PDB file of N, CA and C in Angstrom:
ATOM      1  N   MET A   1       0.855  -1.172   0.000  1.00  0.00           N
ATOM      2  CA  MET A   1       0.000   0.000   0.000  1.00  0.00           C
ATOM      3  C   MET A   1       0.899   1.233   0.000  1.00  0.00           C
ATOM      4  N   SER A   2       0.642   2.129  -0.904  1.00  0.00           N
ATOM      5  CA  SER A   2       1.459   3.333  -1.004  1.00  0.00           C
ATOM      6  C   SER A   2       0.982   4.372   0.014  1.00  0.00           C
ATOM      7  N   PRO A   3       1.832   5.327   0.336  1.00  0.00           N
ATOM      8  CA  PRO A   3       1.437   6.378   1.287  1.00  0.00           C
ATOM      9  C   PRO A   3       0.233   7.189   0.789  1.00  0.00           C
ATOM     10  N   THR A   4       0.123   7.354  -0.511  1.00  0.00           N
ATOM     11  CA  THR A   4      -1.016   8.095  -1.067  1.00  0.00           C
ATOM     12  C   THR A   4      -2.326   7.365  -0.771  1.00  0.00           C
ATOM     13  N   GLU A   5      -2.318   6.058  -0.954  1.00  0.00           N
ATOM     14  CA  GLU A   5      -3.519   5.269  -0.671  1.00  0.00           C
ATOM     15  C   GLU A   5      -3.879   5.338   0.809  1.00  0.00           C
ATOM     16  N   ALA A   6      -2.886   5.297   1.649  1.00  0.00           N
ATOM     17  CA  ALA A   6      -3.133   5.366   3.091  1.00  0.00           C
ATOM     18  C   ALA A   6      -3.759   6.706   3.463  1.00  0.00           C
ATOM     19  N   TRP A   7      -3.232   7.791   2.911  1.00  0.00           N
ATOM     20  CA  TRP A   7      -3.785   9.116   3.214  1.00  0.00           C
ATOM     21  C   TRP A   7      -5.206   9.265   2.677  1.00  0.00           C
ATOM     22  N   LEU A   8      -5.445   8.776   1.473  1.00  0.00           N
ATOM     23  CA  LEU A   8      -6.788   8.834   0.911  1.00  0.00           C
ATOM     24  C   LEU A   8      -7.783   8.034   1.764  1.00  0.00           C
ATOM     25  N   THR A   9      -7.351   6.870   2.206  1.00  0.00           N
ATOM     26  CA  THR A   9      -8.212   6.051   3.071  1.00  0.00           C
ATOM     27  C   THR A   9      -8.543   6.791   4.351  1.00  0.00           C
ATOM     28  N   LEU A  10      -7.554   7.418   4.958  1.00  0.00           N
ATOM     29  CA  LEU A  10      -7.761   8.161   6.189  1.00  0.00           C
ATOM     30  C   LEU A  10      -8.706   9.343   5.972  1.00  0.00           C
ATOM     31  N   VAL A  11      -8.502  10.079   4.903  1.00  0.00           N
ATOM     32  CA  VAL A  11      -9.342  11.233   4.606  1.00  0.00           C
ATOM     33  C   VAL A  11     -10.787  10.787   4.354  1.00  0.00           C
ATOM     34  N   PHE A  12     -10.974   9.746   3.537  1.00  0.00           N
ATOM     35  CA  PHE A  12     -12.328   9.286   3.233  1.00  0.00           C
ATOM     36  C   PHE A  12     -13.013   8.662   4.446  1.00  0.00           C
ATOM     37  N   PHE A  13     -12.248   8.135   5.391  1.00  0.00           N
ATOM     38  CA  PHE A  13     -12.838   7.647   6.640  1.00  0.00           C
ATOM     39  C   PHE A  13     -13.537   8.799   7.355  1.00  0.00           C
ATOM     40  N   PHE A  14     -12.856   9.936   7.469  1.00  0.00           N
ATOM     41  CA  PHE A  14     -13.451  11.084   8.150  1.00  0.00           C
ATOM     42  C   PHE A  14     -14.608  11.687   7.339  1.00  0.00           C
ATOM     43  N   VAL A  15     -14.527  11.616   6.020  1.00  0.00           N
ATOM     44  CA  VAL A  15     -15.649  12.060   5.192  1.00  0.00           C
ATOM     45  C   VAL A  15     -16.863  11.175   5.464  1.00  0.00           C
ATOM     46  N   LEU A  16     -16.654   9.875   5.570  1.00  0.00           N
ATOM     47  CA  LEU A  16     -17.740   8.949   5.870  1.00  0.00           C
ATOM     48  C   LEU A  16     -18.362   9.251   7.232  1.00  0.00           C
ATOM     49  N   ILE A  17     -17.546   9.453   8.242  1.00  0.00           N
ATOM     50  CA  ILE A  17     -18.046   9.751   9.590  1.00  0.00           C
ATOM     51  C   ILE A  17     -18.850  11.058   9.580  1.00  0.00           C
ATOM     52  N   ALA A  18     -18.317  12.091   8.916  1.00  0.00           N
ATOM     53  CA  ALA A  18     -19.008  13.382   8.868  1.00  0.00           C
ATOM     54  C   ALA A  18     -20.338  13.273   8.121  1.00  0.00           C
ATOM     55  N   SER A  19     -20.368  12.533   7.029  1.00  0.00           N
ATOM     56  CA  SER A  19     -21.626  12.398   6.283  1.00  0.00           C
ATOM     57  C   SER A  19     -22.653  11.582   7.073  1.00  0.00           C
ATOM     58  N   ALA A  20     -22.222  10.568   7.783  1.00  0.00           N
ATOM     59  CA  ALA A  20     -23.144   9.786   8.609  1.00  0.00           C
ATOM     60  C   ALA A  20     -23.719  10.656   9.727  1.00  0.00           C
ATOM     61  N   TYR A  21     -22.895  11.462  10.347  1.00  0.00           N
ATOM     62  CA  TYR A  21     -23.351  12.370  11.407  1.00  0.00           C
ATOM     63  C   TYR A  21     -24.346  13.383  10.833  1.00  0.00           C
ATOM     64  N   GLY A  22     -24.028  13.935   9.683  1.00  0.00           N
ATOM     65  CA  GLY A  22     -24.916  14.906   9.051  1.00  0.00           C
ATOM     66  C   GLY A  22     -26.267  14.297   8.695  1.00  0.00           C
ATOM     67  N   MET A  23     -26.277  13.083   8.167  1.00  0.00           N
ATOM     68  CA  MET A  23     -27.538  12.424   7.817  1.00  0.00           C
ATOM     69  C   MET A  23     -28.357  12.105   9.059  1.00  0.00           C
ATOM     70  N   ASP A  24     -27.696  11.756  10.145  1.00  0.00           N
ATOM     71  CA  ASP A  24     -28.393  11.487  11.402  1.00  0.00           C
ATOM     72  C   ASP A  24     -29.083  12.753  11.907  1.00  0.00           C
ATOM     73  N   LYS A  25     -28.380  13.865  11.857  1.00  0.00           N
ATOM     74  CA  LYS A  25     -28.971  15.140  12.270  1.00  0.00           C
ATOM     75  C   LYS A  25     -30.117  15.540  11.344  1.00  0.00           C
ATOM     76  N   PHE A  26     -29.948  15.337  10.046  1.00  0.00           N
ATOM     77  CA  PHE A  26     -30.995  15.643   9.077  1.00  0.00           C
ATOM     78  C   PHE A  26     -32.245  14.824   9.370  1.00  0.00           C
ATOM     79  N   LYS A  27     -32.076  13.539   9.655  1.00  0.00           N
ATOM     80  CA  LYS A  27     -33.214  12.672   9.960  1.00  0.00           C
ATOM     81  C   LYS A  27     -33.915  13.129  11.239  1.00  0.00           C
ATOM     82  N   ALA A  28     -33.159  13.553  12.247  1.00  0.00           N
ATOM     83  CA  ALA A  28     -33.752  14.024  13.496  1.00  0.00           C
ATOM     84  C   ALA A  28     -34.599  15.274  13.246  1.00  0.00           C
ATOM     85  N   ILE A  29     -34.117  16.162  12.409  1.00  0.00           N
ATOM     86  CA  ILE A  29     -34.868  17.379  12.074  1.00  0.00           C
ATOM     87  C   ILE A  29     -36.152  17.008  11.324  1.00  0.00           C
ATOM     88  N   GLN A  30     -36.060  16.056  10.392  1.00  0.00           N
ATOM     89  CA  GLN A  30     -37.236  15.624   9.640  1.00  0.00           C
ATOM     90  C   GLN A  30     -38.294  15.008  10.563  1.00  0.00           C
ATOM     91  N   VAL A  31     -37.858  14.220  11.531  1.00  0.00           N
ATOM     92  CA  VAL A  31     -38.791  13.597  12.475  1.00  0.00           C
ATOM     93  C   VAL A  31     -39.472  14.660  13.325  1.00  0.00           C
ATOM     94  N   LYS A  32     -38.726  15.664  13.758  1.00  0.00           N
ATOM     95  CA  LYS A  32     -39.318  16.747  14.556  1.00  0.00           C
ATOM     96  C   LYS A  32     -40.350  17.520  13.747  1.00  0.00           C
ATOM     97  N   LYS A  33     -40.049  17.785  12.481  1.00  0.00           N
ATOM     98  CA  LYS A  33     -41.005  18.479  11.621  1.00  0.00           C
ATOM     99  C   LYS A  33     -42.267  17.641  11.431  1.00  0.00           C
ATOM    100  N   GLU A  34     -42.096  16.347  11.213  1.00  0.00           N
ATOM    101  CA  GLU A  34     -43.239  15.458  11.023  1.00  0.00           C
ATOM    102  C   GLU A  34     -44.098  15.399  12.284  1.00  0.00           C
ATOM    103  N   GLN A  35     -43.484  15.335  13.449  1.00  0.00           N
ATOM    104  CA  GLN A  35     -44.229  15.302  14.700  1.00  0.00           C
ATOM    105  C   GLN A  35     -44.976  16.615  14.917  1.00  0.00           C
ATOM    106  N   ALA A  36     -44.374  17.731  14.514  1.00  0.00           N
ATOM    107  CA  ALA A  36     -45.038  19.026  14.660  1.00  0.00           C
ATOM    108  C   ALA A  36     -46.278  19.092  13.760  1.00  0.00           C
ATOM    109  N   LEU A  37     -46.189  18.521  12.556  1.00  0.00           N
ATOM    110  CA  LEU A  37     -47.326  18.522  11.639  1.00  0.00           C
ATOM    111  C   LEU A  37     -48.442  17.598  12.121  1.00  0.00           C
ATOM    112  N   VAL A  38     -48.052  16.472  12.721  1.00  0.00           N
ATOM    113  CA  VAL A  38     -49.037  15.495  13.179  1.00  0.00           C
ATOM    114  C   VAL A  38     -49.706  15.953  14.459  1.00  0.00           C
ATOM    115  N   GLY A  39     -49.034  16.735  15.246  1.00  0.00           N
ATOM    116  CA  GLY A  39     -49.648  17.207  16.483  1.00  0.00           C
ATOM    117  C   GLY A  39     -48.745  17.101  17.683  1.00  0.00           C
ATOM    118  N   GLY A  40     -47.469  16.992  17.463  1.00  0.00           N
ATOM    119  CA  GLY A  40     -46.550  16.983  18.582  1.00  0.00           C
ATOM    120  C   GLY A  40     -46.378  15.608  19.171  1.00  0.00           C
ATOM    121  N   ASN A  41     -45.700  15.585  20.307  1.00  0.00           N
ATOM    122  CA  ASN A  41     -45.434  14.335  21.002  1.00  0.00           C
ATOM    123  C   ASN A  41     -46.569  14.033  21.956  1.00  0.00           C
ATOM    124  N   ASP A  42     -47.362  13.029  21.637  1.00  0.00           N
ATOM    125  CA  ASP A  42     -48.354  12.588  22.602  1.00  0.00           C
ATOM    126  C   ASP A  42     -47.744  11.485  23.454  1.00  0.00           C
ATOM    127  N   ASP A  43     -48.440  11.114  24.513  1.00  0.00           N
ATOM    128  CA  ASP A  43     -47.899  10.127  25.441  1.00  0.00           C
ATOM    129  C   ASP A  43     -47.643   8.792  24.761  1.00  0.00           C
ATOM    130  N   ARG A  44     -48.519   8.375  23.867  1.00  0.00           N
ATOM    131  CA  ARG A  44     -48.369   7.074  23.214  1.00  0.00           C
ATOM    132  C   ARG A  44     -47.101   7.021  22.363  1.00  0.00           C
ATOM    133  N   SER A  45     -46.825   8.079  21.592  1.00  0.00           N
ATOM    134  CA  SER A  45     -45.636   8.051  20.747  1.00  0.00           C
ATOM    135  C   SER A  45     -44.365   8.085  21.584  1.00  0.00           C
ATOM    136  N   MET A  46     -44.382   8.807  22.693  1.00  0.00           N
ATOM    137  CA  MET A  46     -43.206   8.840  23.554  1.00  0.00           C
ATOM    138  C   MET A  46     -43.003   7.494  24.224  1.00  0.00           C
ATOM    139  N   GLU A  47     -44.087   6.824  24.633  1.00  0.00           N
ATOM    140  CA  GLU A  47     -43.963   5.523  25.270  1.00  0.00           C
ATOM    141  C   GLU A  47     -43.457   4.487  24.284  1.00  0.00           C
ATOM    142  N   MET A  48     -43.879   4.568  23.038  1.00  0.00           N
ATOM    143  CA  MET A  48     -43.477   3.575  22.067  1.00  0.00           C
ATOM    144  C   MET A  48     -42.021   3.756  21.651  1.00  0.00           C
ATOM    145  N   ASP A  49     -41.468   4.977  21.841  1.00  0.00           N
ATOM    146  CA  ASP A  49     -40.063   5.188  21.544  1.00  0.00           C
ATOM    147  C   ASP A  49     -39.166   4.489  22.557  1.00  0.00           C
ATOM    148  N   MET A  50     -39.690   4.297  23.762  1.00  0.00           N
ATOM    149  CA  MET A  50     -38.914   3.624  24.783  1.00  0.00           C
ATOM    150  C   MET A  50     -38.947   2.125  24.516  1.00  0.00           C
ATOM    151  N   VAL A  51     -37.888   1.450  24.884  1.00  0.00           N
ATOM    152  CA  VAL A  51     -37.815   0.015  24.697  1.00  0.00           C
ATOM    153  C   VAL A  51     -38.462  -0.662  25.896  1.00  0.00           C
ATOM    154  N   PHE A  52     -39.367  -1.615  25.639  1.00  0.00           N
ATOM    155  CA  PHE A  52     -40.002  -2.349  26.724  1.00  0.00           C
ATOM    156  C   PHE A  52     -39.020  -3.407  27.190  1.00  0.00           C
ATOM    157  N   PRO A  53     -38.798  -3.525  28.508  1.00  0.00           N
ATOM    158  CA  PRO A  53     -37.715  -4.377  29.011  1.00  0.00           C
ATOM    159  C   PRO A  53     -37.987  -5.880  28.949  1.00  0.00           C
ATOM    160  N   HIS A  54     -39.161  -6.301  28.540  1.00  0.00           N
ATOM    161  CA  HIS A  54     -39.490  -7.725  28.524  1.00  0.00           C
ATOM    162  C   HIS A  54     -39.769  -8.181  27.095  1.00  0.00           C
ATOM    163  N   SER A  55     -39.421  -9.429  26.804  1.00  0.00           N
ATOM    164  CA  SER A  55     -39.669  -9.963  25.468  1.00  0.00           C
ATOM    165  C   SER A  55     -41.128 -10.379  25.337  1.00  0.00           C
ATOM    166  N   ALA A  56     -41.564 -10.533  24.101  1.00  0.00           N
ATOM    167  CA  ALA A  56     -42.946 -10.935  23.841  1.00  0.00           C
ATOM    168  C   ALA A  56     -43.228 -12.301  24.451  1.00  0.00           C
ATOM    169  N   LYS A  57     -42.285 -13.212  24.327  1.00  0.00           N
ATOM    170  CA  LYS A  57     -42.460 -14.565  24.861  1.00  0.00           C
ATOM    171  C   LYS A  57     -42.562 -14.536  26.385  1.00  0.00           C
ATOM    172  N   GLU A  58     -41.732 -13.726  27.025  1.00  0.00           N
ATOM    173  CA  GLU A  58     -41.750 -13.627  28.487  1.00  0.00           C
ATOM    174  C   GLU A  58     -43.094 -13.072  28.978  1.00  0.00           C
ATOM    175  N   ILE A  59     -43.597 -12.044  28.323  1.00  0.00           N
ATOM    176  CA  ILE A  59     -44.879 -11.457  28.711  1.00  0.00           C
ATOM    177  C   ILE A  59     -45.995 -12.472  28.534  1.00  0.00           C
ATOM    178  N   TYR A  60     -46.001 -13.144  27.403  1.00  0.00           N
ATOM    179  CA  TYR A  60     -47.036 -14.117  27.122  1.00  0.00           C
ATOM    180  C   TYR A  60     -47.032 -15.225  28.170  1.00  0.00           C
ATOM    181  N   LYS A  61     -45.843 -15.745  28.487  1.00  0.00           N
ATOM    182  CA  LYS A  61     -45.726 -16.827  29.467  1.00  0.00           C
ATOM    183  C   LYS A  61     -46.177 -16.371  30.847  1.00  0.00           C
ATOM    184  N   GLU A  62     -45.727 -15.213  31.286  1.00  0.00           N
ATOM    185  CA  GLU A  62     -46.081 -14.714  32.621  1.00  0.00           C
ATOM    186  C   GLU A  62     -47.580 -14.494  32.766  1.00  0.00           C
ATOM    187  N   LEU A  63     -48.192 -13.888  31.766  1.00  0.00           N
ATOM    188  CA  LEU A  63     -49.614 -13.581  31.874  1.00  0.00           C
ATOM    189  C   LEU A  63     -50.495 -14.819  31.699  1.00  0.00           C
ATOM    190  N   ILE A  64     -50.023 -15.801  30.941  1.00  0.00           N
ATOM    191  CA  ILE A  64     -50.755 -17.068  30.849  1.00  0.00           C
ATOM    192  C   ILE A  64     -50.657 -17.794  32.191  1.00  0.00           C
ATOM    193  N   ASP A  65     -49.462 -17.794  32.801  1.00  0.00           N
ATOM    194  CA  ASP A  65     -49.305 -18.393  34.135  1.00  0.00           C
ATOM    195  C   ASP A  65     -50.245 -17.742  35.139  1.00  0.00           C
ATOM    196  N   GLU A  66     -50.347 -16.422  35.094  1.00  0.00           N
ATOM    197  CA  GLU A  66     -51.243 -15.721  36.003  1.00  0.00           C
ATOM    198  C   GLU A  66     -52.690 -16.132  35.747  1.00  0.00           C
ATOM    199  N   LYS A  67     -53.053 -16.250  34.480  1.00  0.00           N
ATOM    200  CA  LYS A  67     -54.419 -16.647  34.119  1.00  0.00           C
ATOM    201  C   LYS A  67     -54.729 -18.056  34.625  1.00  0.00           C
ATOM    202  N   LEU A  68     -53.701 -18.920  34.640  1.00  0.00           N
ATOM    203  CA  LEU A  68     -53.878 -20.291  35.119  1.00  0.00           C
ATOM    204  C   LEU A  68     -53.852 -20.389  36.645  1.00  0.00           C
ATOM    205  N   GLY A  69     -53.583 -19.277  37.318  1.00  0.00           N
ATOM    206  CA  GLY A  69     -53.618 -19.270  38.776  1.00  0.00           C
ATOM    207  C   GLY A  69     -52.273 -19.416  39.457  1.00  0.00           C
ATOM    208  N   VAL A  70     -51.185 -19.355  38.718  1.00  0.00           N
ATOM    209  CA  VAL A  70     -49.854 -19.434  39.325  1.00  0.00           C
ATOM    210  C   VAL A  70     -49.584 -18.117  40.040  1.00  0.00           C
ATOM    211  N   LYS A  71     -49.296 -18.197  41.314  1.00  0.00           N
ATOM    212  CA  LYS A  71     -49.084 -16.998  42.131  1.00  0.00           C
ATOM    213  C   LYS A  71     -47.707 -16.392  41.864  1.00  0.00           C
ATOM    214  N   ALA A  72     -47.610 -15.088  42.064  1.00  0.00           N
ATOM    215  CA  ALA A  72     -46.332 -14.388  41.939  1.00  0.00           C
ATOM    216  C   ALA A  72     -45.425 -14.800  43.087  1.00  0.00           C
ATOM    217  N   LYS A  73     -44.131 -14.926  42.818  1.00  0.00           N
ATOM    218  CA  LYS A  73     -43.171 -15.382  43.824  1.00  0.00           C
ATOM    219  C   LYS A  73     -42.970 -14.371  44.940  1.00  0.00           C
ATOM    220  N   ASP A  74     -42.915 -13.092  44.558  1.00  0.00           N
ATOM    221  CA  ASP A  74     -42.695 -12.041  45.553  1.00  0.00           C
ATOM    222  C   ASP A  74     -43.280 -10.735  45.034  1.00  0.00           C
ATOM    223  N   GLU A  75     -43.066  -9.665  45.775  1.00  0.00           N
ATOM    224  CA  GLU A  75     -43.621  -8.356  45.415  1.00  0.00           C
ATOM    225  C   GLU A  75     -43.076  -7.850  44.074  1.00  0.00           C
ATOM    226  N   ASP A  76     -41.777  -8.041  43.826  1.00  0.00           N
ATOM    227  CA  ASP A  76     -41.178  -7.591  42.564  1.00  0.00           C
ATOM    228  C   ASP A  76     -41.789  -8.339  41.376  1.00  0.00           C
ATOM    229  N   HIS A  77     -42.008  -9.625  41.566  1.00  0.00           N
ATOM    230  CA  HIS A  77     -42.601 -10.444  40.503  1.00  0.00           C
ATOM    231  C   HIS A  77     -44.031  -9.986  40.219  1.00  0.00           C
ATOM    232  N   ALA A  78     -44.783  -9.672  41.269  1.00  0.00           N
ATOM    233  CA  ALA A  78     -46.158  -9.182  41.094  1.00  0.00           C
ATOM    234  C   ALA A  78     -46.156  -7.829  40.397  1.00  0.00           C
ATOM    235  N   GLU A  79     -45.189  -6.979  40.734  1.00  0.00           N
ATOM    236  CA  GLU A  79     -45.078  -5.669  40.091  1.00  0.00           C
ATOM    237  C   GLU A  79     -44.731  -5.820  38.612  1.00  0.00           C
ATOM    238  N   LYS A  80     -43.866  -6.786  38.301  1.00  0.00           N
ATOM    239  CA  LYS A  80     -43.487  -7.047  36.911  1.00  0.00           C
ATOM    240  C   LYS A  80     -44.716  -7.500  36.114  1.00  0.00           C
ATOM    241  N   ARG A  81     -45.529  -8.360  36.698  1.00  0.00           N
ATOM    242  CA  ARG A  81     -46.748  -8.809  36.023  1.00  0.00           C
ATOM    243  C   ARG A  81     -47.712  -7.646  35.795  1.00  0.00           C
ATOM    244  N   ALA A  82     -47.831  -6.780  36.788  1.00  0.00           N
ATOM    245  CA  ALA A  82     -48.723  -5.625  36.646  1.00  0.00           C
ATOM    246  C   ALA A  82     -48.244  -4.713  35.520  1.00  0.00           C
ATOM    247  N   GLU A  83     -46.942  -4.540  35.414  1.00  0.00           N
ATOM    248  CA  GLU A  83     -46.363  -3.726  34.337  1.00  0.00           C
ATOM    249  C   GLU A  83     -46.662  -4.352  32.976  1.00  0.00           C
ATOM    250  N   MET A  84     -46.555  -5.671  32.905  1.00  0.00           N
ATOM    251  CA  MET A  84     -46.848  -6.375  31.655  1.00  0.00           C
ATOM    252  C   MET A  84     -48.325  -6.233  31.285  1.00  0.00           C
ATOM    253  N   LYS A  85     -49.217  -6.373  32.275  1.00  0.00           N
ATOM    254  CA  LYS A  85     -50.652  -6.222  32.013  1.00  0.00           C
ATOM    255  C   LYS A  85     -50.976  -4.804  31.546  1.00  0.00           C
ATOM    256  N   HIS A  86     -50.308  -3.819  32.146  1.00  0.00           N
ATOM    257  CA  HIS A  86     -50.524  -2.433  31.732  1.00  0.00           C
ATOM    258  C   HIS A  86     -50.101  -2.240  30.273  1.00  0.00           C
ATOM    259  N   PHE A  87     -48.975  -2.836  29.891  1.00  0.00           N
ATOM    260  CA  PHE A  87     -48.503  -2.739  28.513  1.00  0.00           C
ATOM    261  C   PHE A  87     -49.509  -3.362  27.550  1.00  0.00           C
ATOM    262  N   ILE A  88     -50.025  -4.538  27.896  1.00  0.00           N
ATOM    263  CA  ILE A  88     -51.011  -5.218  27.046  1.00  0.00           C
ATOM    264  C   ILE A  88     -52.292  -4.386  26.958  1.00  0.00           C
ATOM    265  N   ARG A  89     -52.732  -3.853  28.079  1.00  0.00           N
ATOM    266  CA  ARG A  89     -53.958  -3.042  28.101  1.00  0.00           C
ATOM    267  C   ARG A  89     -53.781  -1.791  27.241  1.00  0.00           C
ATOM    268  N   ARG A  90     -52.619  -1.147  27.340  1.00  0.00           N
ATOM    269  CA  ARG A  90     -52.354   0.072  26.575  1.00  0.00           C
ATOM    270  C   ARG A  90     -52.231  -0.236  25.073  1.00  0.00           C
ATOM    271  N   SER A  91     -51.635  -1.374  24.748  1.00  0.00           N
ATOM    272  CA  SER A  91     -51.387  -1.695  23.342  1.00  0.00           C
ATOM    273  C   SER A  91     -52.584  -2.312  22.642  1.00  0.00           C
ATOM    274  N   PHE A  92     -53.371  -3.129  23.362  1.00  0.00           N
ATOM    275  CA  PHE A  92     -54.439  -3.883  22.717  1.00  0.00           C
ATOM    276  C   PHE A  92     -55.810  -3.646  23.333  1.00  0.00           C
ATOM    277  N   THR A  93     -55.938  -2.708  24.218  1.00  0.00           N
ATOM    278  CA  THR A  93     -57.182  -2.349  24.915  1.00  0.00           C
ATOM    279  C   THR A  93     -57.838  -3.523  25.630  1.00  0.00           C
ATOM    280  N   THR A  94     -57.042  -4.486  26.042  1.00  0.00           N
ATOM    281  CA  THR A  94     -57.500  -5.593  26.865  1.00  0.00           C
ATOM    282  C   THR A  94     -56.335  -6.085  27.701  1.00  0.00           C
ATOM    283  N   ASP A  95     -56.624  -6.627  28.877  1.00  0.00           N
ATOM    284  CA  ASP A  95     -55.549  -7.225  29.667  1.00  0.00           C
ATOM    285  C   ASP A  95     -55.674  -8.748  29.668  1.00  0.00           C
ATOM    286  N   GLN A  96     -56.501  -9.277  28.793  1.00  0.00           N
ATOM    287  CA  GLN A  96     -56.673 -10.719  28.622  1.00  0.00           C
ATOM    288  C   GLN A  96     -55.664 -11.196  27.570  1.00  0.00           C
ATOM    289  N   ILE A  97     -54.573 -11.769  28.006  1.00  0.00           N
ATOM    290  CA  ILE A  97     -53.499 -12.153  27.091  1.00  0.00           C
ATOM    291  C   ILE A  97     -53.951 -13.237  26.114  1.00  0.00           C
ATOM    292  N   ASP A  98     -54.906 -14.072  26.528  1.00  0.00           N
ATOM    293  CA  ASP A  98     -55.357 -15.130  25.635  1.00  0.00           C
ATOM    294  C   ASP A  98     -56.197 -14.604  24.471  1.00  0.00           C
ATOM    295  N   LYS A  99     -56.616 -13.351  24.535  1.00  0.00           N
ATOM    296  CA  LYS A  99     -57.381 -12.738  23.444  1.00  0.00           C
ATOM    297  C   LYS A  99     -56.501 -11.947  22.481  1.00  0.00           C
ATOM    298  N   VAL A 100     -55.194 -11.952  22.744  1.00  0.00           N
ATOM    299  CA  VAL A 100     -54.245 -11.210  21.916  1.00  0.00           C
ATOM    300  C   VAL A 100     -53.493 -12.198  21.038  1.00  0.00           C
ATOM    301  N   ASN A 101     -53.440 -11.922  19.745  1.00  0.00           N
ATOM    302  CA  ASN A 101     -52.681 -12.742  18.811  1.00  0.00           C
ATOM    303  C   ASN A 101     -51.193 -12.583  19.116  1.00  0.00           C
ATOM    304  N   PHE A 102     -50.469 -13.697  19.264  1.00  0.00           N
ATOM    305  CA  PHE A 102     -49.053 -13.631  19.630  1.00  0.00           C
ATOM    306  C   PHE A 102     -48.234 -12.886  18.585  1.00  0.00           C
ATOM    307  N   ASP A 103     -48.530 -13.076  17.312  1.00  0.00           N
ATOM    308  CA  ASP A 103     -47.764 -12.397  16.260  1.00  0.00           C
ATOM    309  C   ASP A 103     -47.950 -10.877  16.336  1.00  0.00           C
ATOM    310  N   ASP A 104     -49.185 -10.430  16.595  1.00  0.00           N
ATOM    311  CA  ASP A 104     -49.437  -8.998  16.757  1.00  0.00           C
ATOM    312  C   ASP A 104     -48.720  -8.463  17.991  1.00  0.00           C
ATOM    313  N   HIS A 105     -48.750  -9.267  19.043  1.00  0.00           N
ATOM    314  CA  HIS A 105     -48.078  -8.897  20.300  1.00  0.00           C
ATOM    315  C   HIS A 105     -46.569  -8.761  20.078  1.00  0.00           C
ATOM    316  N   LYS A 106     -46.007  -9.698  19.349  1.00  0.00           N
ATOM    317  CA  LYS A 106     -44.570  -9.674  19.073  1.00  0.00           C
ATOM    318  C   LYS A 106     -44.203  -8.456  18.224  1.00  0.00           C
ATOM    319  N   LYS A 107     -45.046  -8.131  17.228  1.00  0.00           N
ATOM    320  CA  LYS A 107     -44.805  -6.948  16.394  1.00  0.00           C
ATOM    321  C   LYS A 107     -44.834  -5.672  17.222  1.00  0.00           C
ATOM    322  N   GLU A 108     -45.752  -5.614  18.186  1.00  0.00           N
ATOM    323  CA  GLU A 108     -45.885  -4.427  19.031  1.00  0.00           C
ATOM    324  C   GLU A 108     -44.614  -4.187  19.843  1.00  0.00           C
ATOM    325  N   ILE A 109     -43.992  -5.257  20.311  1.00  0.00           N
ATOM    326  CA  ILE A 109     -42.790  -5.113  21.144  1.00  0.00           C
ATOM    327  C   ILE A 109     -41.537  -4.965  20.297  1.00  0.00           C
ATOM    328  N   GLU A 110     -41.376  -5.829  19.307  1.00  0.00           N
ATOM    329  CA  GLU A 110     -40.132  -5.862  18.546  1.00  0.00           C
ATOM    330  C   GLU A 110     -40.163  -5.027  17.278  1.00  0.00           C
ATOM    331  N   GLY A 111     -41.337  -4.585  16.871  1.00  0.00           N
ATOM    332  CA  GLY A 111     -41.441  -3.813  15.643  1.00  0.00           C
ATOM    333  C   GLY A 111     -41.518  -4.728  14.440  1.00  0.00           C
ATOM    334  N   GLU A 112     -41.636  -4.115  13.281  1.00  0.00           N
ATOM    335  CA  GLU A 112     -41.714  -4.879  12.034  1.00  0.00           C
ATOM    336  C   GLU A 112     -40.350  -5.501  11.733  1.00  0.00           C
ATOM    337  N   THR A 113     -40.368  -6.699  11.188  1.00  0.00           N
ATOM    338  CA  THR A 113     -39.120  -7.319  10.770  1.00  0.00           C
ATOM    339  C   THR A 113     -38.682  -6.714   9.444  1.00  0.00           C
ATOM    340  N   MET A 114     -37.406  -6.723   9.217  1.00  0.00           N
ATOM    341  CA  MET A 114     -36.896  -6.137   7.985  1.00  0.00           C
ATOM    342  C   MET A 114     -37.122  -7.061   6.796  1.00  0.00           C
ATOM    343  N   LEU A 115     -37.078  -8.370   7.029  1.00  0.00           N
ATOM    344  CA  LEU A 115     -37.256  -9.316   5.955  1.00  0.00           C
ATOM    345  C   LEU A 115     -38.609  -9.974   6.055  1.00  0.00           C
ATOM    346  N   SER A 116     -39.213 -10.221   4.943  1.00  0.00           N
ATOM    347  CA  SER A 116     -40.493 -10.906   4.917  1.00  0.00           C
ATOM    348  C   SER A 116     -40.321 -12.197   4.144  1.00  0.00           C
ATOM    349  N   ARG A 117     -40.847 -13.271   4.659  1.00  0.00           N
ATOM    350  CA  ARG A 117     -40.710 -14.557   3.982  1.00  0.00           C
ATOM    351  C   ARG A 117     -42.004 -14.970   3.305  1.00  0.00           C
ATOM    352  N   ASN A 118     -42.862 -14.015   3.041  1.00  0.00           N
ATOM    353  CA  ASN A 118     -44.109 -14.315   2.335  1.00  0.00           C
ATOM    354  C   ASN A 118     -43.809 -14.647   0.887  1.00  0.00           C
ATOM    355  N   ILE A 119     -44.382 -15.728   0.442  1.00  0.00           N
ATOM    356  CA  ILE A 119     -44.142 -16.149  -0.953  1.00  0.00           C
ATOM    357  C   ILE A 119     -45.435 -16.041  -1.729  1.00  0.00           C
TER     358      ILE A 119
END
């Protein structure tokens, strides 16, 4: 590798970093403009931006166990279940986990998948 190639690589590395930073800032400005047009930040959009700390499978299992009568181990466990029920109630307008489609529930927590295997 010649010194010229090394310098060009170094320079273009910083160009790449600067352009990525600029695009990130541009996207943030676009999102703020879109939110202003839609009506600002409501509670639901702010809550959905936060990551829910439990997986879809964990929530489903815990709430099915509760429905079957399995008692919470301790106060923290009961609080965790209450948090999960609140999430289900807020997302699907019901706290009955057996009435919620698991695939819809998973999409709500993890978001849309990037790849689709529909044929």
